[in-house]
Full PDB file with SEQRES, HELIX, SHEET, SSBOND, CRYST1, ORIGX, SCALE, CONECT and MASTER records, all heavy atoms in Angstrom:
SEQRES   1 A   39  ILE GLY GLN PHE ARG HIS LEU ALA PRO PRO ALA TYR PHE          
SEQRES   2 A   39  MET HIS GLY GLN VAL GLY TYR GLU VAL LEU PRO TRP LEU          
SEQRES   3 A   39  GLN LEU PHE GLY GLU ALA ASP MET ALA LEU THR SER THR          
HELIX    1 AA1 GLN A    3  HIS A    6  5                                   4    
SHEET    1 AA1 2 TYR A  12  LEU A  23  0                                        
SHEET    2 AA1 2 LEU A  26  LEU A  36 -1                                        
CRYST1    1.000    1.000    1.000  90.00  90.00  90.00 P 1           1          
ORIGX1      1.000000  0.000000  0.000000        0.00000                         
ORIGX2      0.000000  1.000000  0.000000        0.00000                         
ORIGX3      0.000000  0.000000  1.000000        0.00000                         
SCALE1      1.000000  0.000000  0.000000        0.00000                         
SCALE2      0.000000  1.000000  0.000000        0.00000                         
SCALE3      0.000000  0.000000  1.000000        0.00000                         
ATOM      1  N   ILE A   1       0.819  -1.207   0.000  1.00  0.00           N  
ATOM      2  CA  ILE A   1       0.000   0.000   0.000  1.00  0.00           C  
ATOM      3  C   ILE A   1       0.859   1.266   0.000  1.00  0.00           C  
ATOM      4  O   ILE A   1       0.501   2.265  -0.619  1.00  0.00           O  
ATOM      5  CB  ILE A   1      -0.957  -0.003   1.214  1.00  0.00           C  
ATOM      6  CG1 ILE A   1      -1.886  -1.220   1.124  1.00  0.00           C  
ATOM      7  CG2 ILE A   1      -1.762   1.287   1.286  1.00  0.00           C  
ATOM      8  CD1 ILE A   1      -2.806  -1.368   2.305  1.00  0.00           C  
ATOM      9  N   GLY A   2       1.997   1.245   0.670  1.00  0.00           N  
ATOM     10  CA  GLY A   2       2.870   2.418   0.736  1.00  0.00           C  
ATOM     11  C   GLY A   2       3.646   2.643  -0.548  1.00  0.00           C  
ATOM     12  O   GLY A   2       3.291   2.143  -1.631  1.00  0.00           O  
ATOM     13  N   GLN A   3       4.763   3.365  -0.432  1.00  0.00           N  
ATOM     14  CA  GLN A   3       5.595   3.682  -1.595  1.00  0.00           C  
ATOM     15  C   GLN A   3       6.205   2.437  -2.243  1.00  0.00           C  
ATOM     16  O   GLN A   3       6.587   2.480  -3.419  1.00  0.00           O  
ATOM     17  CB  GLN A   3       6.708   4.641  -1.177  1.00  0.00           C  
ATOM     18  CG  GLN A   3       6.230   6.025  -0.765  1.00  0.00           C  
ATOM     19  CD  GLN A   3       5.580   6.771  -1.915  1.00  0.00           C  
ATOM     20  OE1 GLN A   3       6.025   6.687  -3.059  1.00  0.00           O  
ATOM     21  NE2 GLN A   3       4.515   7.494  -1.611  1.00  0.00           N  
ATOM     22  N   PHE A   4       6.249   1.354  -1.498  1.00  0.00           N  
ATOM     23  CA  PHE A   4       6.848   0.131  -2.042  1.00  0.00           C  
ATOM     24  C   PHE A   4       6.036  -0.402  -3.227  1.00  0.00           C  
ATOM     25  O   PHE A   4       6.564  -1.150  -4.056  1.00  0.00           O  
ATOM     26  CB  PHE A   4       6.951  -0.932  -0.953  1.00  0.00           C  
ATOM     27  CG  PHE A   4       7.961  -2.001  -1.233  1.00  0.00           C  
ATOM     28  CD1 PHE A   4       9.316  -1.772  -1.061  1.00  0.00           C  
ATOM     29  CD2 PHE A   4       7.562  -3.261  -1.676  1.00  0.00           C  
ATOM     30  CE1 PHE A   4      10.259  -2.766  -1.324  1.00  0.00           C  
ATOM     31  CE2 PHE A   4       8.496  -4.257  -1.931  1.00  0.00           C  
ATOM     32  CZ  PHE A   4       9.844  -4.008  -1.763  1.00  0.00           C  
ATOM     33  N   ARG A   5       4.754  -0.012  -3.322  1.00  0.00           N  
ATOM     34  CA  ARG A   5       3.930  -0.491  -4.434  1.00  0.00           C  
ATOM     35  C   ARG A   5       4.409   0.087  -5.761  1.00  0.00           C  
ATOM     36  O   ARG A   5       4.111  -0.469  -6.836  1.00  0.00           O  
ATOM     37  CB  ARG A   5       2.464  -0.129  -4.217  1.00  0.00           C  
ATOM     38  CG  ARG A   5       2.132   1.338  -4.418  1.00  0.00           C  
ATOM     39  CD  ARG A   5       0.658   1.612  -4.111  1.00  0.00           C  
ATOM     40  NE  ARG A   5       0.245   2.962  -4.465  1.00  0.00           N  
ATOM     41  CZ  ARG A   5       0.426   4.021  -3.713  1.00  0.00           C  
ATOM     42  NH1 ARG A   5       1.049   3.908  -2.535  1.00  0.00           N  
ATOM     43  NH2 ARG A   5       0.004   5.221  -4.117  1.00  0.00           N  
ATOM     44  N   HIS A   6       5.155   1.216  -5.722  1.00  0.00           N  
ATOM     45  CA  HIS A   6       5.705   1.799  -6.946  1.00  0.00           C  
ATOM     46  C   HIS A   6       7.009   1.111  -7.353  1.00  0.00           C  
ATOM     47  O   HIS A   6       7.553   1.410  -8.426  1.00  0.00           O  
ATOM     48  CB  HIS A   6       5.963   3.295  -6.756  1.00  0.00           C  
ATOM     49  CG  HIS A   6       4.719   4.068  -6.435  1.00  0.00           C  
ATOM     50  ND1 HIS A   6       3.613   4.086  -7.243  1.00  0.00           N  
ATOM     51  CD2 HIS A   6       4.409   4.856  -5.358  1.00  0.00           C  
ATOM     52  CE1 HIS A   6       2.664   4.843  -6.717  1.00  0.00           C  
ATOM     53  NE2 HIS A   6       3.125   5.331  -5.565  1.00  0.00           N  
ATOM     54  N   LEU A   7       7.487   0.228  -6.486  1.00  0.00           N  
ATOM     55  CA  LEU A   7       8.698  -0.540  -6.789  1.00  0.00           C  
ATOM     56  C   LEU A   7       8.370  -1.958  -7.230  1.00  0.00           C  
ATOM     57  O   LEU A   7       8.937  -2.457  -8.201  1.00  0.00           O  
ATOM     58  CB  LEU A   7       9.605  -0.585  -5.560  1.00  0.00           C  
ATOM     59  CG  LEU A   7      10.802  -1.553  -5.635  1.00  0.00           C  
ATOM     60  CD1 LEU A   7      11.825  -1.038  -6.646  1.00  0.00           C  
ATOM     61  CD2 LEU A   7      11.439  -1.741  -4.261  1.00  0.00           C  
ATOM     62  N   ALA A   8       7.434  -2.620  -6.507  1.00  0.00           N  
ATOM     63  CA  ALA A   8       7.182  -4.038  -6.727  1.00  0.00           C  
ATOM     64  C   ALA A   8       5.694  -4.315  -6.906  1.00  0.00           C  
ATOM     65  O   ALA A   8       4.853  -3.710  -6.228  1.00  0.00           O  
ATOM     66  CB  ALA A   8       7.711  -4.845  -5.546  1.00  0.00           C  
ATOM     67  N   PRO A   9       5.327  -5.225  -7.800  1.00  0.00           N  
ATOM     68  CA  PRO A   9       3.927  -5.650  -7.942  1.00  0.00           C  
ATOM     69  C   PRO A   9       3.555  -6.598  -6.806  1.00  0.00           C  
ATOM     70  O   PRO A   9       4.425  -7.047  -6.051  1.00  0.00           O  
ATOM     71  CB  PRO A   9       3.937  -6.367  -9.294  1.00  0.00           C  
ATOM     72  CG  PRO A   9       5.311  -6.937  -9.396  1.00  0.00           C  
ATOM     73  CD  PRO A   9       6.222  -5.927  -8.747  1.00  0.00           C  
ATOM     74  N   PRO A  10       2.260  -6.919  -6.639  1.00  0.00           N  
ATOM     75  CA  PRO A  10       1.864  -7.892  -5.627  1.00  0.00           C  
ATOM     76  C   PRO A  10       2.655  -9.193  -5.752  1.00  0.00           C  
ATOM     77  O   PRO A  10       2.955  -9.657  -6.853  1.00  0.00           O  
ATOM     78  CB  PRO A  10       0.370  -8.113  -5.914  1.00  0.00           C  
ATOM     79  CG  PRO A  10      -0.073  -6.812  -6.512  1.00  0.00           C  
ATOM     80  CD  PRO A  10       1.093  -6.346  -7.333  1.00  0.00           C  
ATOM     81  N   ALA A  11       2.996  -9.765  -4.605  1.00  0.00           N  
ATOM     82  CA  ALA A  11       3.888 -10.932  -4.567  1.00  0.00           C  
ATOM     83  C   ALA A  11       3.104 -12.227  -4.388  1.00  0.00           C  
ATOM     84  O   ALA A  11       2.032 -12.238  -3.767  1.00  0.00           O  
ATOM     85  CB  ALA A  11       4.888 -10.776  -3.419  1.00  0.00           C  
ATOM     86  N   TYR A  12       3.643 -13.306  -4.949  1.00  0.00           N  
ATOM     87  CA  TYR A  12       3.153 -14.638  -4.608  1.00  0.00           C  
ATOM     88  C   TYR A  12       3.517 -14.894  -3.144  1.00  0.00           C  
ATOM     89  O   TYR A  12       4.647 -14.657  -2.739  1.00  0.00           O  
ATOM     90  CB  TYR A  12       3.779 -15.692  -5.517  1.00  0.00           C  
ATOM     91  CG  TYR A  12       3.462 -15.494  -6.976  1.00  0.00           C  
ATOM     92  CD1 TYR A  12       4.411 -14.964  -7.850  1.00  0.00           C  
ATOM     93  CD2 TYR A  12       2.216 -15.835  -7.486  1.00  0.00           C  
ATOM     94  CE1 TYR A  12       4.122 -14.778  -9.194  1.00  0.00           C  
ATOM     95  CE2 TYR A  12       1.913 -15.659  -8.833  1.00  0.00           C  
ATOM     96  CZ  TYR A  12       2.871 -15.134  -9.676  1.00  0.00           C  
ATOM     97  OH  TYR A  12       2.581 -14.947 -11.004  1.00  0.00           O  
ATOM     98  N   PHE A  13       2.572 -15.421  -2.389  1.00  0.00           N  
ATOM     99  CA  PHE A  13       2.720 -15.445  -0.933  1.00  0.00           C  
ATOM    100  C   PHE A  13       2.402 -16.827  -0.378  1.00  0.00           C  
ATOM    101  O   PHE A  13       1.412 -17.457  -0.759  1.00  0.00           O  
ATOM    102  CB  PHE A  13       1.773 -14.397  -0.326  1.00  0.00           C  
ATOM    103  CG  PHE A  13       1.748 -14.360   1.177  1.00  0.00           C  
ATOM    104  CD1 PHE A  13       2.851 -13.934   1.897  1.00  0.00           C  
ATOM    105  CD2 PHE A  13       0.610 -14.749   1.869  1.00  0.00           C  
ATOM    106  CE1 PHE A  13       2.814 -13.889   3.283  1.00  0.00           C  
ATOM    107  CE2 PHE A  13       0.559 -14.700   3.248  1.00  0.00           C  
ATOM    108  CZ  PHE A  13       1.662 -14.270   3.954  1.00  0.00           C  
ATOM    109  N   MET A  14       3.260 -17.307   0.540  1.00  0.00           N  
ATOM    110  CA  MET A  14       3.026 -18.569   1.250  1.00  0.00           C  
ATOM    111  C   MET A  14       3.211 -18.323   2.745  1.00  0.00           C  
ATOM    112  O   MET A  14       4.148 -17.626   3.152  1.00  0.00           O  
ATOM    113  CB  MET A  14       3.980 -19.668   0.774  1.00  0.00           C  
ATOM    114  CG  MET A  14       3.781 -20.087  -0.659  1.00  0.00           C  
ATOM    115  SD  MET A  14       4.855 -21.481  -1.130  1.00  0.00           S  
ATOM    116  CE  MET A  14       4.188 -22.765  -0.067  1.00  0.00           C  
ATOM    117  N   HIS A  15       2.317 -18.919   3.522  1.00  0.00           N  
ATOM    118  CA  HIS A  15       2.321 -18.719   4.975  1.00  0.00           C  
ATOM    119  C   HIS A  15       2.192 -20.068   5.659  1.00  0.00           C  
ATOM    120  O   HIS A  15       1.342 -20.884   5.300  1.00  0.00           O  
ATOM    121  CB  HIS A  15       1.160 -17.815   5.371  1.00  0.00           C  
ATOM    122  CG  HIS A  15       0.997 -17.625   6.842  1.00  0.00           C  
ATOM    123  ND1 HIS A  15       1.743 -16.709   7.554  1.00  0.00           N  
ATOM    124  CD2 HIS A  15       0.194 -18.234   7.746  1.00  0.00           C  
ATOM    125  CE1 HIS A  15       1.387 -16.756   8.834  1.00  0.00           C  
ATOM    126  NE2 HIS A  15       0.443 -17.675   8.966  1.00  0.00           N  
ATOM    127  N   GLY A  16       3.047 -20.341   6.644  1.00  0.00           N  
ATOM    128  CA  GLY A  16       2.970 -21.562   7.439  1.00  0.00           C  
ATOM    129  C   GLY A  16       2.843 -21.219   8.911  1.00  0.00           C  
ATOM    130  O   GLY A  16       3.457 -20.256   9.386  1.00  0.00           O  
ATOM    131  N   GLN A  17       2.068 -22.023   9.627  1.00  0.00           N  
ATOM    132  CA  GLN A  17       1.793 -21.714  11.031  1.00  0.00           C  
ATOM    133  C   GLN A  17       1.675 -23.004  11.841  1.00  0.00           C  
ATOM    134  O   GLN A  17       1.040 -23.961  11.421  1.00  0.00           O  
ATOM    135  CB  GLN A  17       0.487 -20.913  11.109  1.00  0.00           C  
ATOM    136  CG  GLN A  17       0.154 -20.378  12.476  1.00  0.00           C  
ATOM    137  CD  GLN A  17      -0.962 -19.335  12.402  1.00  0.00           C  
ATOM    138  OE1 GLN A  17      -0.844 -18.321  11.703  1.00  0.00           O  
ATOM    139  NE2 GLN A  17      -2.051 -19.588  13.113  1.00  0.00           N  
ATOM    140  N   VAL A  18       2.304 -23.009  13.007  1.00  0.00           N  
ATOM    141  CA  VAL A  18       2.207 -24.123  13.956  1.00  0.00           C  
ATOM    142  C   VAL A  18       1.694 -23.553  15.269  1.00  0.00           C  
ATOM    143  O   VAL A  18       2.294 -22.621  15.819  1.00  0.00           O  
ATOM    144  CB  VAL A  18       3.571 -24.805  14.183  1.00  0.00           C  
ATOM    145  CG1 VAL A  18       3.422 -25.955  15.174  1.00  0.00           C  
ATOM    146  CG2 VAL A  18       4.146 -25.313  12.870  1.00  0.00           C  
ATOM    147  N   GLY A  19       0.585 -24.091  15.752  1.00  0.00           N  
ATOM    148  CA  GLY A  19      -0.003 -23.547  16.965  1.00  0.00           C  
ATOM    149  C   GLY A  19      -0.442 -24.624  17.931  1.00  0.00           C  
ATOM    150  O   GLY A  19      -0.488 -25.816  17.598  1.00  0.00           O  
ATOM    151  N   TYR A  20      -0.776 -24.191  19.132  1.00  0.00           N  
ATOM    152  CA  TYR A  20      -1.326 -25.106  20.131  1.00  0.00           C  
ATOM    153  C   TYR A  20      -2.550 -24.448  20.755  1.00  0.00           C  
ATOM    154  O   TYR A  20      -2.478 -23.305  21.234  1.00  0.00           O  
ATOM    155  CB  TYR A  20      -0.307 -25.438  21.218  1.00  0.00           C  
ATOM    156  CG  TYR A  20      -0.793 -26.537  22.140  1.00  0.00           C  
ATOM    157  CD1 TYR A  20      -0.639 -27.877  21.777  1.00  0.00           C  
ATOM    158  CD2 TYR A  20      -1.435 -26.234  23.332  1.00  0.00           C  
ATOM    159  CE1 TYR A  20      -1.100 -28.891  22.590  1.00  0.00           C  
ATOM    160  CE2 TYR A  20      -1.900 -27.250  24.154  1.00  0.00           C  
ATOM    161  CZ  TYR A  20      -1.729 -28.578  23.782  1.00  0.00           C  
ATOM    162  OH  TYR A  20      -2.201 -29.574  24.587  1.00  0.00           O  
ATOM    163  N   GLU A  21      -3.667 -25.161  20.727  1.00  0.00           N  
ATOM    164  CA  GLU A  21      -4.921 -24.645  21.266  1.00  0.00           C  
ATOM    165  C   GLU A  21      -4.964 -24.890  22.770  1.00  0.00           C  
ATOM    166  O   GLU A  21      -5.260 -25.989  23.227  1.00  0.00           O  
ATOM    167  CB  GLU A  21      -6.096 -25.299  20.552  1.00  0.00           C  
ATOM    168  CG  GLU A  21      -6.174 -24.871  19.089  1.00  0.00           C  
ATOM    169  CD  GLU A  21      -7.103 -25.727  18.279  1.00  0.00           C  
ATOM    170  OE1 GLU A  21      -7.159 -26.950  18.541  1.00  0.00           O  
ATOM    171  OE2 GLU A  21      -7.774 -25.185  17.385  1.00  0.00           O  
ATOM    172  N   VAL A  22      -4.638 -23.876  23.523  1.00  0.00           N  
ATOM    173  CA  VAL A  22      -4.668 -23.974  24.975  1.00  0.00           C  
ATOM    174  C   VAL A  22      -6.098 -24.161  25.467  1.00  0.00           C  
ATOM    175  O   VAL A  22      -6.369 -24.915  26.408  1.00  0.00           O  
ATOM    176  CB  VAL A  22      -4.038 -22.718  25.603  1.00  0.00           C  
ATOM    177  CG1 VAL A  22      -4.000 -22.832  27.118  1.00  0.00           C  
ATOM    178  CG2 VAL A  22      -2.628 -22.494  25.060  1.00  0.00           C  
ATOM    179  N   LEU A  23      -7.024 -23.466  24.826  1.00  0.00           N  
ATOM    180  CA  LEU A  23      -8.455 -23.564  25.084  1.00  0.00           C  
ATOM    181  C   LEU A  23      -9.170 -23.709  23.741  1.00  0.00           C  
ATOM    182  O   LEU A  23      -8.577 -23.412  22.690  1.00  0.00           O  
ATOM    183  CB  LEU A  23      -8.955 -22.316  25.817  1.00  0.00           C  
ATOM    184  CG  LEU A  23      -8.358 -22.062  27.212  1.00  0.00           C  
ATOM    185  CD1 LEU A  23      -8.774 -20.672  27.707  1.00  0.00           C  
ATOM    186  CD2 LEU A  23      -8.780 -23.129  28.205  1.00  0.00           C  
ATOM    187  N   PRO A  24     -10.431 -24.163  23.726  1.00  0.00           N  
ATOM    188  CA  PRO A  24     -11.128 -24.287  22.449  1.00  0.00           C  
ATOM    189  C   PRO A  24     -11.176 -22.988  21.654  1.00  0.00           C  
ATOM    190  O   PRO A  24     -11.286 -23.016  20.428  1.00  0.00           O  
ATOM    191  CB  PRO A  24     -12.537 -24.742  22.868  1.00  0.00           C  
ATOM    192  CG  PRO A  24     -12.340 -25.440  24.168  1.00  0.00           C  
ATOM    193  CD  PRO A  24     -11.228 -24.700  24.847  1.00  0.00           C  
ATOM    194  N   TRP A  25     -11.076 -21.837  22.317  1.00  0.00           N  
ATOM    195  CA  TRP A  25     -11.167 -20.543  21.628  1.00  0.00           C  
ATOM    196  C   TRP A  25      -9.855 -19.766  21.640  1.00  0.00           C  
ATOM    197  O   TRP A  25      -9.811 -18.641  21.127  1.00  0.00           O  
ATOM    198  CB  TRP A  25     -12.253 -19.690  22.291  1.00  0.00           C  
ATOM    199  CG  TRP A  25     -12.105 -19.583  23.787  1.00  0.00           C  
ATOM    200  CD1 TRP A  25     -12.654 -20.407  24.719  1.00  0.00           C  
ATOM    201  CD2 TRP A  25     -11.329 -18.619  24.513  1.00  0.00           C  
ATOM    202  NE1 TRP A  25     -12.290 -20.026  25.990  1.00  0.00           N  
ATOM    203  CE2 TRP A  25     -11.482 -18.917  25.897  1.00  0.00           C  
ATOM    204  CE3 TRP A  25     -10.542 -17.529  24.145  1.00  0.00           C  
ATOM    205  CZ2 TRP A  25     -10.851 -18.171  26.884  1.00  0.00           C  
ATOM    206  CZ3 TRP A  25      -9.923 -16.783  25.138  1.00  0.00           C  
ATOM    207  CH2 TRP A  25     -10.083 -17.103  26.487  1.00  0.00           C  
ATOM    208  N   LEU A  26      -8.785 -20.336  22.189  1.00  0.00           N  
ATOM    209  CA  LEU A  26      -7.512 -19.617  22.322  1.00  0.00           C  
ATOM    210  C   LEU A  26      -6.355 -20.465  21.801  1.00  0.00           C  
ATOM    211  O   LEU A  26      -6.160 -21.596  22.234  1.00  0.00           O  
ATOM    212  CB  LEU A  26      -7.267 -19.266  23.791  1.00  0.00           C  
ATOM    213  CG  LEU A  26      -5.913 -18.607  24.117  1.00  0.00           C  
ATOM    214  CD1 LEU A  26      -5.792 -17.261  23.409  1.00  0.00           C  
ATOM    215  CD2 LEU A  26      -5.750 -18.451  25.622  1.00  0.00           C  
ATOM    216  N   GLN A  27      -5.586 -19.897  20.856  1.00  0.00           N  
ATOM    217  CA  GLN A  27      -4.443 -20.606  20.268  1.00  0.00           C  
ATOM    218  C   GLN A  27      -3.209 -19.704  20.304  1.00  0.00           C  
ATOM    219  O   GLN A  27      -3.272 -18.522  19.951  1.00  0.00           O  
ATOM    220  CB  GLN A  27      -4.739 -21.002  18.823  1.00  0.00           C  
ATOM    221  CG  GLN A  27      -3.589 -21.749  18.153  1.00  0.00           C  
ATOM    222  CD  GLN A  27      -3.834 -21.985  16.674  1.00  0.00           C  
ATOM    223  OE1 GLN A  27      -2.905 -21.909  15.859  1.00  0.00           O  
ATOM    224  NE2 GLN A  27      -5.071 -22.259  16.298  1.00  0.00           N  
ATOM    225  N   LEU A  28      -2.078 -20.267  20.725  1.00  0.00           N  
ATOM    226  CA  LEU A  28      -0.778 -19.612  20.631  1.00  0.00           C  
ATOM    227  C   LEU A  28      -0.031 -20.235  19.460  1.00  0.00           C  
ATOM    228  O   LEU A  28      -0.062 -21.446  19.275  1.00  0.00           O  
ATOM    229  CB  LEU A  28       0.014 -19.805  21.932  1.00  0.00           C  
ATOM    230  CG  LEU A  28      -0.679 -19.375  23.227  1.00  0.00           C  
ATOM    231  CD1 LEU A  28       0.213 -19.670  24.421  1.00  0.00           C  
ATOM    232  CD2 LEU A  28      -1.050 -17.889  23.181  1.00  0.00           C  
ATOM    233  N   PHE A  29       0.664 -19.413  18.651  1.00  0.00           N  
ATOM    234  CA  PHE A  29       1.258 -19.961  17.438  1.00  0.00           C  
ATOM    235  C   PHE A  29       2.574 -19.275  17.091  1.00  0.00           C  
ATOM    236  O   PHE A  29       2.862 -18.152  17.513  1.00  0.00           O  
ATOM    237  CB  PHE A  29       0.286 -19.828  16.266  1.00  0.00           C  
ATOM    238  CG  PHE A  29      -0.034 -18.408  15.879  1.00  0.00           C  
ATOM    239  CD1 PHE A  29       0.791 -17.701  15.007  1.00  0.00           C  
ATOM    240  CD2 PHE A  29      -1.147 -17.770  16.383  1.00  0.00           C  
ATOM    241  CE1 PHE A  29       0.512 -16.393  14.652  1.00  0.00           C  
ATOM    242  CE2 PHE A  29      -1.436 -16.452  16.035  1.00  0.00           C  
ATOM    243  CZ  PHE A  29      -0.600 -15.774  15.166  1.00  0.00           C  
ATOM    244  N   GLY A  30       3.357 -19.982  16.275  1.00  0.00           N  
ATOM    245  CA  GLY A  30       4.522 -19.429  15.606  1.00  0.00           C  
ATOM    246  C   GLY A  30       4.301 -19.534  14.111  1.00  0.00           C  
ATOM    247  O   GLY A  30       3.590 -20.433  13.637  1.00  0.00           O  
ATOM    248  N   GLU A  31       4.893 -18.639  13.338  1.00  0.00           N  
ATOM    249  CA  GLU A  31       4.607 -18.579  11.907  1.00  0.00           C  
ATOM    250  C   GLU A  31       5.853 -18.239  11.099  1.00  0.00           C  
ATOM    251  O   GLU A  31       6.848 -17.729  11.629  1.00  0.00           O  
ATOM    252  CB  GLU A  31       3.529 -17.532  11.631  1.00  0.00           C  
ATOM    253  CG  GLU A  31       3.937 -16.118  12.044  1.00  0.00           C  
ATOM    254  CD  GLU A  31       2.846 -15.100  11.803  1.00  0.00           C  
ATOM    255  OE1 GLU A  31       1.819 -15.455  11.188  1.00  0.00           O  
ATOM    256  OE2 GLU A  31       3.015 -13.938  12.228  1.00  0.00           O  
ATOM    257  N   ALA A  32       5.774 -18.527   9.801  1.00  0.00           N  
ATOM    258  CA  ALA A  32       6.831 -18.174   8.853  1.00  0.00           C  
ATOM    259  C   ALA A  32       6.183 -17.791   7.532  1.00  0.00           C  
ATOM    260  O   ALA A  32       5.165 -18.369   7.134  1.00  0.00           O  
ATOM    261  CB  ALA A  32       7.793 -19.338   8.652  1.00  0.00           C  
ATOM    262  N   ASP A  33       6.763 -16.791   6.857  1.00  0.00           N  
ATOM    263  CA  ASP A  33       6.233 -16.291   5.588  1.00  0.00           C  
ATOM    264  C   ASP A  33       7.300 -16.347   4.506  1.00  0.00           C  
ATOM    265  O   ASP A  33       8.495 -16.187   4.772  1.00  0.00           O  
ATOM    266  CB  ASP A  33       5.767 -14.832   5.730  1.00  0.00           C  
ATOM    267  CG  ASP A  33       4.636 -14.678   6.718  1.00  0.00           C  
ATOM    268  OD1 ASP A  33       3.765 -15.548   6.761  1.00  0.00           O  
ATOM    269  OD2 ASP A  33       4.638 -13.658   7.454  1.00  0.00           O  
ATOM    270  N   MET A  34       6.843 -16.547   3.268  1.00  0.00           N  
ATOM    271  CA  MET A  34       7.715 -16.489   2.105  1.00  0.00           C  
ATOM    272  C   MET A  34       6.932 -15.842   0.968  1.00  0.00           C  
ATOM    273  O   MET A  34       5.771 -16.180   0.735  1.00  0.00           O  
ATOM    274  CB  MET A  34       8.183 -17.884   1.690  1.00  0.00           C  
ATOM    275  CG  MET A  34       9.065 -17.899   0.452  1.00  0.00           C  
ATOM    276  SD  MET A  34      10.682 -17.132   0.722  1.00  0.00           S  
ATOM    277  CE  MET A  34      11.469 -18.371   1.750  1.00  0.00           C  
ATOM    278  N   ALA A  35       7.572 -14.899   0.257  1.00  0.00           N  
ATOM    279  CA  ALA A  35       6.922 -14.227  -0.867  1.00  0.00           C  
ATOM    280  C   ALA A  35       7.943 -14.015  -1.983  1.00  0.00           C  
ATOM    281  O   ALA A  35       9.157 -14.008  -1.743  1.00  0.00           O  
ATOM    282  CB  ALA A  35       6.328 -12.885  -0.422  1.00  0.00           C  
ATOM    283  N   LEU A  36       7.436 -13.814  -3.195  1.00  0.00           N  
ATOM    284  CA  LEU A  36       8.305 -13.608  -4.354  1.00  0.00           C  
ATOM    285  C   LEU A  36       7.739 -12.488  -5.215  1.00  0.00           C  
ATOM    286  O   LEU A  36       6.592 -12.541  -5.655  1.00  0.00           O  
ATOM    287  CB  LEU A  36       8.420 -14.885  -5.189  1.00  0.00           C  
ATOM    288  CG  LEU A  36       9.310 -14.788  -6.438  1.00  0.00           C  
ATOM    289  CD1 LEU A  36      10.762 -14.529  -6.051  1.00  0.00           C  
ATOM    290  CD2 LEU A  36       9.207 -16.071  -7.263  1.00  0.00           C  
ATOM    291  N   THR A  37       8.552 -11.444  -5.438  1.00  0.00           N  
ATOM    292  CA  THR A  37       8.141 -10.325  -6.279  1.00  0.00           C  
ATOM    293  C   THR A  37       9.349  -9.820  -7.065  1.00  0.00           C  
ATOM    294  O   THR A  37      10.359 -10.534  -7.178  1.00  0.00           O  
ATOM    295  CB  THR A  37       7.515  -9.202  -5.410  1.00  0.00           C  
ATOM    296  OG1 THR A  37       7.004  -8.189  -6.266  1.00  0.00           O  
ATOM    297  CG2 THR A  37       8.522  -8.614  -4.442  1.00  0.00           C  
ATOM    298  N   SER A  38       9.291  -8.593  -7.600  1.00  0.00           N  
ATOM    299  CA  SER A  38      10.394  -8.065  -8.407  1.00  0.00           C  
ATOM    300  C   SER A  38      10.353  -6.541  -8.370  1.00  0.00           C  
ATOM    301  O   SER A  38       9.431  -5.935  -7.818  1.00  0.00           O  
ATOM    302  CB  SER A  38      10.291  -8.559  -9.852  1.00  0.00           C  
ATOM    303  OG  SER A  38       9.174  -7.956 -10.496  1.00  0.00           O  
ATOM    304  N   THR A  39      11.330  -5.929  -9.000  1.00  0.00           N  
ATOM    305  CA  THR A  39      11.400  -4.466  -9.086  1.00  0.00           C  
ATOM    306  C   THR A  39      10.815  -3.956 -10.407  1.00  0.00           C  
ATOM    307  O   THR A  39      11.170  -2.884 -10.878  1.00  0.00           O  
ATOM    308  CB  THR A  39      12.868  -4.003  -8.955  1.00  0.00           C  
ATOM    309  OG1 THR A  39      13.644  -4.595 -10.019  1.00  0.00           O  
ATOM    310  CG2 THR A  39      13.455  -4.413  -7.626  1.00  0.00           C  
TER     311      THR A  39                                                      
MASTER        0    0    0    1    2    0    0    6  310    1    0    3          
END                                                                             
């Protein structure tokens, strides 16, 4: 959305997440992201 949009087009995006549901409505998690774009 910022000035970076004038540099790079929308990127292909992948997201991975590992979590543990402490309660039926509450989850704590760790995550990792990977994207690919260009100038």
